[in-house]
Amino acid sequence: MTLIWLGVLLVLGGVLQMAYQPIWHGRLSGGRRLRARQPSDTLEPERPAGGFGFKSNWPGLALVALGAAFLLVGAVT
């Protein structure tokens, strides 16, 4: 039962880490406009989905995978 709860916590922690990663990335429009010194009439980022890459989300994916493994082991035993 302990493995199942640990797996649940790891999966939830990994999902939360991946969800908050784009938020930690920063503001979408304010910083880019100030650096480019050009006013922008859109809120779209210069490069789409800047916070959703594998490089920035690998810790969350690892937590989800480890939690899923714990859940499987806990379900078998």
PDB file of N, CA and C in Angstrom:
ATOM      1  N   MET A   1       0.816  -1.195   0.000  1.00  0.00           N
ATOM      2  CA  MET A   1       0.000   0.000   0.000  1.00  0.00           C
ATOM      3  C   MET A   1       0.860   1.259   0.000  1.00  0.00           C
ATOM      4  N   THR A   2       2.008   1.163   0.650  1.00  0.00           N
ATOM      5  CA  THR A   2       2.917   2.310   0.691  1.00  0.00           C
ATOM      6  C   THR A   2       3.439   2.635  -0.701  1.00  0.00           C
ATOM      7  N   LEU A   3       3.718   1.604  -1.495  1.00  0.00           N
ATOM      8  CA  LEU A   3       4.199   1.844  -2.860  1.00  0.00           C
ATOM      9  C   LEU A   3       3.136   2.544  -3.708  1.00  0.00           C
ATOM     10  N   ILE A   4       1.896   2.212  -3.494  1.00  0.00           N
ATOM     11  CA  ILE A   4       0.824   2.844  -4.271  1.00  0.00           C
ATOM     12  C   ILE A   4       0.723   4.323  -3.925  1.00  0.00           C
ATOM     13  N   TRP A   5       0.752   4.647  -2.634  1.00  0.00           N
ATOM     14  CA  TRP A   5       0.669   6.051  -2.241  1.00  0.00           C
ATOM     15  C   TRP A   5       1.899   6.837  -2.689  1.00  0.00           C
ATOM     16  N   LEU A   6       3.042   6.215  -2.620  1.00  0.00           N
ATOM     17  CA  LEU A   6       4.252   6.875  -3.101  1.00  0.00           C
ATOM     18  C   LEU A   6       4.172   7.099  -4.617  1.00  0.00           C
ATOM     19  N   GLY A   7       3.639   6.124  -5.342  1.00  0.00           N
ATOM     20  CA  GLY A   7       3.456   6.281  -6.783  1.00  0.00           C
ATOM     21  C   GLY A   7       2.475   7.395  -7.117  1.00  0.00           C
ATOM     22  N   VAL A   8       1.391   7.480  -6.356  1.00  0.00           N
ATOM     23  CA  VAL A   8       0.410   8.545  -6.580  1.00  0.00           C
ATOM     24  C   VAL A   8       1.051   9.908  -6.344  1.00  0.00           C
ATOM     25  N   LEU A   9       1.807  10.036  -5.265  1.00  0.00           N
ATOM     26  CA  LEU A   9       2.458  11.313  -4.971  1.00  0.00           C
ATOM     27  C   LEU A   9       3.477  11.686  -6.050  1.00  0.00           C
ATOM     28  N   LEU A  10       4.225  10.705  -6.535  1.00  0.00           N
ATOM     29  CA  LEU A  10       5.208  10.992  -7.584  1.00  0.00           C
ATOM     30  C   LEU A  10       4.532  11.394  -8.892  1.00  0.00           C
ATOM     31  N   VAL A  11       3.462  10.713  -9.253  1.00  0.00           N
ATOM     32  CA  VAL A  11       2.746  11.070 -10.489  1.00  0.00           C
ATOM     33  C   VAL A  11       2.156  12.474 -10.370  1.00  0.00           C
ATOM     34  N   LEU A  12       1.508  12.764  -9.255  1.00  0.00           N
ATOM     35  CA  LEU A  12       0.934  14.104  -9.075  1.00  0.00           C
ATOM     36  C   LEU A  12       2.008  15.183  -9.042  1.00  0.00           C
ATOM     37  N   GLY A  13       3.113  14.888  -8.371  1.00  0.00           N
ATOM     38  CA  GLY A  13       4.218  15.845  -8.341  1.00  0.00           C
ATOM     39  C   GLY A  13       4.798  16.094  -9.726  1.00  0.00           C
ATOM     40  N   GLY A  14       4.927  15.053 -10.516  1.00  0.00           N
ATOM     41  CA  GLY A  14       5.444  15.214 -11.877  1.00  0.00           C
ATOM     42  C   GLY A  14       4.504  16.001 -12.760  1.00  0.00           C
ATOM     43  N   VAL A  15       3.207  15.736 -12.638  1.00  0.00           N
ATOM     44  CA  VAL A  15       2.232  16.484 -13.444  1.00  0.00           C
ATOM     45  C   VAL A  15       2.221  17.956 -13.043  1.00  0.00           C
ATOM     46  N   LEU A  16       2.273  18.219 -11.738  1.00  0.00           N
ATOM     47  CA  LEU A  16       2.314  19.612 -11.290  1.00  0.00           C
ATOM     48  C   LEU A  16       3.590  20.308 -11.736  1.00  0.00           C
ATOM     49  N   GLN A  17       4.707  19.604 -11.690  1.00  0.00           N
ATOM     50  CA  GLN A  17       5.963  20.200 -12.138  1.00  0.00           C
ATOM     51  C   GLN A  17       5.900  20.547 -13.622  1.00  0.00           C
ATOM     52  N   MET A  18       5.311  19.668 -14.429  1.00  0.00           N
ATOM     53  CA  MET A  18       5.194  19.956 -15.862  1.00  0.00           C
ATOM     54  C   MET A  18       4.187  21.068 -16.134  1.00  0.00           C
ATOM     55  N   ALA A  19       3.148  21.179 -15.313  1.00  0.00           N
ATOM     56  CA  ALA A  19       2.150  22.220 -15.516  1.00  0.00           C
ATOM     57  C   ALA A  19       2.698  23.590 -15.135  1.00  0.00           C
ATOM     58  N   TYR A  20       3.503  23.650 -14.084  1.00  0.00           N
ATOM     59  CA  TYR A  20       4.026  24.943 -13.650  1.00  0.00           C
ATOM     60  C   TYR A  20       5.273  25.375 -14.405  1.00  0.00           C
ATOM     61  N   GLN A  21       5.862  24.511 -15.181  1.00  0.00           N
ATOM     62  CA  GLN A  21       7.074  24.863 -15.915  1.00  0.00           C
ATOM     63  C   GLN A  21       6.863  26.052 -16.859  1.00  0.00           C
ATOM     64  N   PRO A  22       5.798  26.107 -17.660  1.00  0.00           N
ATOM     65  CA  PRO A  22       5.602  27.292 -18.502  1.00  0.00           C
ATOM     66  C   PRO A  22       5.319  28.552 -17.691  1.00  0.00           C
ATOM     67  N   ILE A  23       4.716  28.382 -16.518  1.00  0.00           N
ATOM     68  CA  ILE A  23       4.454  29.556 -15.686  1.00  0.00           C
ATOM     69  C   ILE A  23       5.762  30.114 -15.141  1.00  0.00           C
ATOM     70  N   TRP A  24       6.692  29.238 -14.740  1.00  0.00           N
ATOM     71  CA  TRP A  24       7.988  29.690 -14.251  1.00  0.00           C
ATOM     72  C   TRP A  24       8.814  30.309 -15.359  1.00  0.00           C
ATOM     73  N   HIS A  25       8.484  29.992 -16.600  1.00  0.00           N
ATOM     74  CA  HIS A  25       9.252  30.485 -17.750  1.00  0.00           C
ATOM     75  C   HIS A  25       9.203  32.003 -17.839  1.00  0.00           C
ATOM     76  N   GLY A  26       8.127  32.619 -17.392  1.00  0.00           N
ATOM     77  CA  GLY A  26       8.041  34.063 -17.384  1.00  0.00           C
ATOM     78  C   GLY A  26       6.862  34.570 -18.190  1.00  0.00           C
ATOM     79  N   ARG A  27       6.770  35.880 -18.279  1.00  0.00           N
ATOM     80  CA  ARG A  27       5.676  36.499 -19.003  1.00  0.00           C
ATOM     81  C   ARG A  27       5.836  36.268 -20.498  1.00  0.00           C
ATOM     82  N   LEU A  28       4.713  36.177 -21.180  1.00  0.00           N
ATOM     83  CA  LEU A  28       4.759  35.892 -22.610  1.00  0.00           C
ATOM     84  C   LEU A  28       5.081  37.126 -23.444  1.00  0.00           C
ATOM     85  N   SER A  29       4.514  38.271 -23.142  1.00  0.00           N
ATOM     86  CA  SER A  29       4.657  39.394 -24.051  1.00  0.00           C
ATOM     87  C   SER A  29       5.506  40.536 -23.496  1.00  0.00           C
ATOM     88  N   GLY A  30       5.490  40.806 -22.211  1.00  0.00           N
ATOM     89  CA  GLY A  30       6.149  41.982 -21.661  1.00  0.00           C
ATOM     90  C   GLY A  30       7.654  41.982 -21.852  1.00  0.00           C
ATOM     91  N   GLY A  31       8.322  40.902 -21.517  1.00  0.00           N
ATOM     92  CA  GLY A  31       9.772  40.847 -21.612  1.00  0.00           C
ATOM     93  C   GLY A  31      10.277  40.893 -23.039  1.00  0.00           C
ATOM     94  N   ARG A  32       9.594  40.281 -23.957  1.00  0.00           N
ATOM     95  CA  ARG A  32      10.034  40.264 -25.348  1.00  0.00           C
ATOM     96  C   ARG A  32       9.878  41.634 -25.994  1.00  0.00           C
ATOM     97  N   ARG A  33       8.823  42.322 -25.641  1.00  0.00           N
ATOM     98  CA  ARG A  33       8.628  43.649 -26.227  1.00  0.00           C
ATOM     99  C   ARG A  33       9.702  44.611 -25.759  1.00  0.00           C
ATOM    100  N   LEU A  34      10.078  44.515 -24.500  1.00  0.00           N
ATOM    101  CA  LEU A  34      11.087  45.421 -23.984  1.00  0.00           C
ATOM    102  C   LEU A  34      12.453  45.130 -24.574  1.00  0.00           C
ATOM    103  N   ARG A  35      12.761  43.860 -24.805  1.00  0.00           N
ATOM    104  CA  ARG A  35      14.058  43.520 -25.382  1.00  0.00           C
ATOM    105  C   ARG A  35      14.140  43.897 -26.855  1.00  0.00           C
ATOM    106  N   ALA A  36      13.051  43.739 -27.574  1.00  0.00           N
ATOM    107  CA  ALA A  36      13.075  44.014 -29.007  1.00  0.00           C
ATOM    108  C   ALA A  36      12.937  45.504 -29.295  1.00  0.00           C
ATOM    109  N   ARG A  37      12.501  46.267 -28.324  1.00  0.00           N
ATOM    110  CA  ARG A  37      12.288  47.713 -28.474  1.00  0.00           C
ATOM    111  C   ARG A  37      11.268  48.034 -29.559  1.00  0.00           C
ATOM    112  N   GLN A  38      10.375  47.087 -29.818  1.00  0.00           N
ATOM    113  CA  GLN A  38       9.320  47.304 -30.803  1.00  0.00           C
ATOM    114  C   GLN A  38       7.987  46.980 -30.155  1.00  0.00           C
ATOM    115  N   PRO A  39       7.018  47.859 -30.313  1.00  0.00           N
ATOM    116  CA  PRO A  39       5.703  47.528 -29.756  1.00  0.00           C
ATOM    117  C   PRO A  39       5.070  46.385 -30.537  1.00  0.00           C
ATOM    118  N   SER A  40       4.357  45.556 -29.825  1.00  0.00           N
ATOM    119  CA  SER A  40       3.715  44.418 -30.452  1.00  0.00           C
ATOM    120  C   SER A  40       2.215  44.539 -30.281  1.00  0.00           C
ATOM    121  N   ASP A  41       1.453  44.150 -31.311  1.00  0.00           N
ATOM    122  CA  ASP A  41       0.010  44.241 -31.226  1.00  0.00           C
ATOM    123  C   ASP A  41      -0.634  42.876 -30.963  1.00  0.00           C
ATOM    124  N   THR A  42       0.166  41.892 -30.585  1.00  0.00           N
ATOM    125  CA  THR A  42      -0.356  40.561 -30.302  1.00  0.00           C
ATOM    126  C   THR A  42       0.265  40.021 -29.028  1.00  0.00           C
ATOM    127  N   LEU A  43      -0.409  39.074 -28.420  1.00  0.00           N
ATOM    128  CA  LEU A  43       0.119  38.432 -27.226  1.00  0.00           C
ATOM    129  C   LEU A  43       0.794  37.105 -27.540  1.00  0.00           C
ATOM    130  N   GLU A  44       0.871  36.745 -28.817  1.00  0.00           N
ATOM    131  CA  GLU A  44       1.505  35.484 -29.186  1.00  0.00           C
ATOM    132  C   GLU A  44       3.011  35.559 -28.966  1.00  0.00           C
ATOM    133  N   PRO A  45       3.606  34.498 -28.414  1.00  0.00           N
ATOM    134  CA  PRO A  45       5.054  34.501 -28.220  1.00  0.00           C
ATOM    135  C   PRO A  45       5.784  34.375 -29.557  1.00  0.00           C
ATOM    136  N   GLU A  46       7.048  34.782 -29.553  1.00  0.00           N
ATOM    137  CA  GLU A  46       7.840  34.700 -30.779  1.00  0.00           C
ATOM    138  C   GLU A  46       8.052  33.255 -31.208  1.00  0.00           C
ATOM    139  N   ARG A  47       8.347  32.390 -30.265  1.00  0.00           N
ATOM    140  CA  ARG A  47       8.455  30.967 -30.575  1.00  0.00           C
ATOM    141  C   ARG A  47       7.348  30.249 -29.816  1.00  0.00           C
ATOM    142  N   PRO A  48       6.483  29.558 -30.512  1.00  0.00           N
ATOM    143  CA  PRO A  48       5.336  28.940 -29.851  1.00  0.00           C
ATOM    144  C   PRO A  48       5.735  27.831 -28.891  1.00  0.00           C
ATOM    145  N   ALA A  49       4.996  27.722 -27.810  1.00  0.00           N
ATOM    146  CA  ALA A  49       5.162  26.670 -26.802  1.00  0.00           C
ATOM    147  C   ALA A  49       6.582  26.636 -26.264  1.00  0.00           C
ATOM    148  N   GLY A  50       7.080  27.775 -25.829  1.00  0.00           N
ATOM    149  CA  GLY A  50       8.445  27.854 -25.337  1.00  0.00           C
ATOM    150  C   GLY A  50       8.703  27.042 -24.087  1.00  0.00           C
ATOM    151  N   GLY A  51       7.696  26.785 -23.261  1.00  0.00           N
ATOM    152  CA  GLY A  51       7.909  26.060 -22.025  1.00  0.00           C
ATOM    153  C   GLY A  51       7.506  24.603 -22.080  1.00  0.00           C
ATOM    154  N   PHE A  52       7.172  24.081 -23.255  1.00  0.00           N
ATOM    155  CA  PHE A  52       6.673  22.718 -23.355  1.00  0.00           C
ATOM    156  C   PHE A  52       7.646  21.774 -24.030  1.00  0.00           C
ATOM    157  N   GLY A  53       8.914  22.060 -23.989  1.00  0.00           N
ATOM    158  CA  GLY A  53       9.897  21.184 -24.621  1.00  0.00           C
ATOM    159  C   GLY A  53      10.325  20.052 -23.709  1.00  0.00           C
ATOM    160  N   PHE A  54      10.987  19.058 -24.303  1.00  0.00           N
ATOM    161  CA  PHE A  54      11.453  17.916 -23.520  1.00  0.00           C
ATOM    162  C   PHE A  54      12.549  18.324 -22.553  1.00  0.00           C
ATOM    163  N   LYS A  55      13.401  19.281 -22.960  1.00  0.00           N
ATOM    164  CA  LYS A  55      14.494  19.713 -22.097  1.00  0.00           C
ATOM    165  C   LYS A  55      13.988  20.319 -20.794  1.00  0.00           C
ATOM    166  N   SER A  56      12.923  21.072 -20.862  1.00  0.00           N
ATOM    167  CA  SER A  56      12.430  21.728 -19.656  1.00  0.00           C
ATOM    168  C   SER A  56      11.511  20.833 -18.832  1.00  0.00           C
ATOM    169  N   ASN A  57      10.984  19.765 -19.417  1.00  0.00           N
ATOM    170  CA  ASN A  57      10.027  18.910 -18.714  1.00  0.00           C
ATOM    171  C   ASN A  57      10.563  17.544 -18.325  1.00  0.00           C
ATOM    172  N   TRP A  58      11.833  17.253 -18.544  1.00  0.00           N
ATOM    173  CA  TRP A  58      12.318  15.911 -18.247  1.00  0.00           C
ATOM    174  C   TRP A  58      12.221  15.556 -16.767  1.00  0.00           C
ATOM    175  N   PRO A  59      12.412  16.480 -15.823  1.00  0.00           N
ATOM    176  CA  PRO A  59      12.235  16.053 -14.422  1.00  0.00           C
ATOM    177  C   PRO A  59      10.799  15.623 -14.114  1.00  0.00           C
ATOM    178  N   GLY A  60       9.824  16.334 -14.655  1.00  0.00           N
ATOM    179  CA  GLY A  60       8.430  15.955 -14.446  1.00  0.00           C
ATOM    180  C   GLY A  60       8.091  14.631 -15.102  1.00  0.00           C
ATOM    181  N   LEU A  61       8.605  14.419 -16.301  1.00  0.00           N
ATOM    182  CA  LEU A  61       8.377  13.142 -16.975  1.00  0.00           C
ATOM    183  C   LEU A  61       9.030  11.988 -16.220  1.00  0.00           C
ATOM    184  N   ALA A  62      10.199  12.237 -15.653  1.00  0.00           N
ATOM    185  CA  ALA A  62      10.868  11.190 -14.868  1.00  0.00           C
ATOM    186  C   ALA A  62      10.066  10.867 -13.608  1.00  0.00           C
ATOM    187  N   LEU A  63       9.512  11.882 -12.967  1.00  0.00           N
ATOM    188  CA  LEU A  63       8.684  11.638 -11.783  1.00  0.00           C
ATOM    189  C   LEU A  63       7.432  10.847 -12.133  1.00  0.00           C
ATOM    190  N   VAL A  64       6.807  11.182 -13.248  1.00  0.00           N
ATOM    191  CA  VAL A  64       5.610  10.449 -13.676  1.00  0.00           C
ATOM    192  C   VAL A  64       5.958   9.000 -13.993  1.00  0.00           C
ATOM    193  N   ALA A  65       7.066   8.784 -14.680  1.00  0.00           N
ATOM    194  CA  ALA A  65       7.463   7.416 -15.025  1.00  0.00           C
ATOM    195  C   ALA A  65       7.804   6.606 -13.776  1.00  0.00           C
ATOM    196  N   LEU A  66       8.519   7.207 -12.833  1.00  0.00           N
ATOM    197  CA  LEU A  66       8.857   6.516 -11.599  1.00  0.00           C
ATOM    198  C   LEU A  66       7.600   6.223 -10.780  1.00  0.00           C
ATOM    199  N   GLY A  67       6.685   7.188 -10.737  1.00  0.00           N
ATOM    200  CA  GLY A  67       5.428   6.966 -10.030  1.00  0.00           C
ATOM    201  C   GLY A  67       4.596   5.879 -10.675  1.00  0.00           C
ATOM    202  N   ALA A  68       4.583   5.843 -12.001  1.00  0.00           N
ATOM    203  CA  ALA A  68       3.832   4.786 -12.694  1.00  0.00           C
ATOM    204  C   ALA A  68       4.451   3.418 -12.412  1.00  0.00           C
ATOM    205  N   ALA A  69       5.769   3.356 -12.357  1.00  0.00           N
ATOM    206  CA  ALA A  69       6.418   2.081 -12.025  1.00  0.00           C
ATOM    207  C   ALA A  69       6.061   1.638 -10.607  1.00  0.00           C
ATOM    208  N   PHE A  70       6.050   2.583  -9.659  1.00  0.00           N
ATOM    209  CA  PHE A  70       5.652   2.237  -8.291  1.00  0.00           C
ATOM    210  C   PHE A  70       4.204   1.779  -8.239  1.00  0.00           C
ATOM    211  N   LEU A  71       3.335   2.413  -9.009  1.00  0.00           N
ATOM    212  CA  LEU A  71       1.945   2.006  -9.031  1.00  0.00           C
ATOM    213  C   LEU A  71       1.787   0.588  -9.597  1.00  0.00           C
ATOM    214  N   LEU A  72       2.530   0.276 -10.630  1.00  0.00           N
ATOM    215  CA  LEU A  72       2.466  -1.076 -11.190  1.00  0.00           C
ATOM    216  C   LEU A  72       2.993  -2.124 -10.232  1.00  0.00           C
ATOM    217  N   VAL A  73       4.109  -1.821  -9.577  1.00  0.00           N
ATOM    218  CA  VAL A  73       4.664  -2.769  -8.614  1.00  0.00           C
ATOM    219  C   VAL A  73       3.724  -2.932  -7.428  1.00  0.00           C
ATOM    220  N   GLY A  74       3.116  -1.846  -6.991  1.00  0.00           N
ATOM    221  CA  GLY A  74       2.175  -1.926  -5.877  1.00  0.00           C
ATOM    222  C   GLY A  74       0.908  -2.687  -6.241  1.00  0.00           C
ATOM    223  N   ALA A  75       0.489  -2.598  -7.500  1.00  0.00           N
ATOM    224  CA  ALA A  75      -0.716  -3.321  -7.928  1.00  0.00           C
ATOM    225  C   ALA A  75      -0.449  -4.811  -8.064  1.00  0.00           C
ATOM    226  N   VAL A  76       0.789  -5.173  -8.421  1.00  0.00           N
ATOM    227  CA  VAL A  76       1.122  -6.592  -8.601  1.00  0.00           C
ATOM    228  C   VAL A  76       1.266  -7.288  -7.254  1.00  0.00           C
ATOM    229  N   THR A  77       1.854  -6.594  -6.293  1.00  0.00           N
ATOM    230  CA  THR A  77       2.091  -7.231  -4.980  1.00  0.00           C
ATOM    231  C   THR A  77       0.887  -7.182  -4.079  1.00  0.00           C
TER     232      THR A  77
END
